[in-house]
Protein backbone atom coordinates (compact mmCIF):
# COMPACT_ATOMS: atom_id res chain seq x y z
CA MET A 1 85.59 101.00 81.92
CA ASN A 2 83.81 102.13 85.07
CA ILE A 3 86.00 102.78 88.13
CA PHE A 4 84.75 102.95 91.72
CA VAL A 5 86.55 105.35 94.09
CA SER A 6 85.68 105.11 97.78
CA SER A 7 86.80 106.50 101.15
CA LEU A 8 86.81 109.99 99.66
CA SER A 9 86.81 113.08 101.79
CA PHE A 10 83.46 114.87 101.81
CA ARG A 11 85.03 117.97 100.18
CA PRO A 12 85.89 116.90 96.62
CA LYS A 13 83.71 117.77 93.66
CA LYS A 14 83.43 115.77 90.45
CA GLU A 15 86.10 118.01 88.89
CA ASP A 16 88.55 117.01 91.65
CA LEU A 17 87.84 113.34 91.02
CA ALA A 18 88.36 113.79 87.27
CA LYS A 19 91.69 115.61 87.90
CA LEU A 20 92.87 112.78 90.15
CA LEU A 21 92.53 110.19 87.37
CA ALA A 22 93.26 112.43 84.36
CA PRO A 23 97.06 111.82 84.36
CA TYR A 24 96.41 108.15 83.61
CA ALA A 25 93.78 108.36 80.89
CA GLU A 26 90.95 110.36 79.38
CA VAL A 27 88.12 110.70 81.88
CA THR A 28 84.72 110.78 80.23
CA PRO A 29 82.29 111.54 83.08
CA ALA A 30 83.12 111.60 86.79
CA ARG A 31 80.39 111.45 89.45
CA ILE A 32 80.42 111.99 93.20
CA ILE A 33 77.42 110.31 94.84
CA ILE A 34 75.38 112.77 96.93
CA ASN A 35 72.93 112.07 99.75
CA ARG A 36 69.53 113.39 98.61
CA ASP A 37 68.46 114.57 102.06
CA THR A 38 71.63 116.30 103.26
CA ARG A 39 73.06 117.24 99.84
CA ARG A 40 76.42 116.05 101.20
CA SER A 41 78.81 113.64 99.52
CA LYS A 42 78.48 109.99 100.54
CA GLY A 43 82.27 109.62 100.24
CA TYR A 44 82.42 107.68 97.00
CA GLY A 45 82.14 108.19 93.28
CA PHE A 46 82.56 106.72 89.82
CA VAL A 47 84.80 107.61 86.89
CA GLU A 48 84.44 106.29 83.37
CA MET A 49 87.45 105.76 81.12
CA PRO A 50 87.18 104.59 77.52
CA ASN A 51 90.51 102.72 77.49
CA GLU A 52 90.58 99.59 79.67
CA ALA A 53 94.40 99.28 79.87
CA GLU A 54 94.75 102.90 81.01
CA GLY A 55 91.93 102.42 83.51
CA LYS A 56 93.68 99.41 85.04
CA ALA A 57 96.91 101.41 85.26
CA ALA A 58 95.04 104.17 87.12
CA ILE A 59 93.56 101.63 89.55
CA ASP A 60 96.98 100.10 90.23
CA ALA A 61 98.62 103.50 90.71
CA LEU A 62 95.97 105.15 92.89
CA ASN A 63 94.55 102.40 95.10
CA GLY A 64 95.69 103.00 98.67
CA THR A 65 97.05 106.50 98.04
CA ASP A 66 96.27 109.70 99.91
CA HIS A 67 93.75 112.19 98.48
CA MET A 68 92.71 115.25 100.50
CA GLY A 69 93.89 113.63 103.73
CA ARG A 70 92.16 110.26 103.25
CA THR A 71 93.47 106.92 102.00
CA ILE A 72 91.29 106.12 99.00
CA SER A 73 90.28 102.79 97.50
CA VAL A 74 90.17 102.57 93.72
CA ALA A 75 88.74 99.47 92.03
CA LEU A 76 86.85 98.24 89.01
CA ALA A 77 83.16 99.00 89.55
CA ASN A 78 80.67 96.16 89.59
CA ASP A 79 78.20 96.11 86.74
CA ARG A 80 74.76 97.33 87.64
CA PRO A 81 72.17 94.57 87.66
CA ALA A 82 69.49 94.92 85.01
CA ARG A 83 66.29 96.37 86.40
CA GLU A 84 63.16 94.37 85.97
CA TYR A 85 59.90 96.23 85.58
């Protein structure tokens, strides 16, 4: 299950994002999206969890909560469209 976390502060690293969701389930990879030009966080990231029920529990528990001084949004990530070459 891929989870989208937005409205993040610009300070957290991927380890911080993984720690935020770790109490709810095993976090496989966590990614903070970085602006290529400025090398600064764009304020959102993705976390993958292998168990769907635990992932939904994490979404329900964390959506709208405070993290590093910001109210975050946590939701199921949209599937990426297939690329056509």
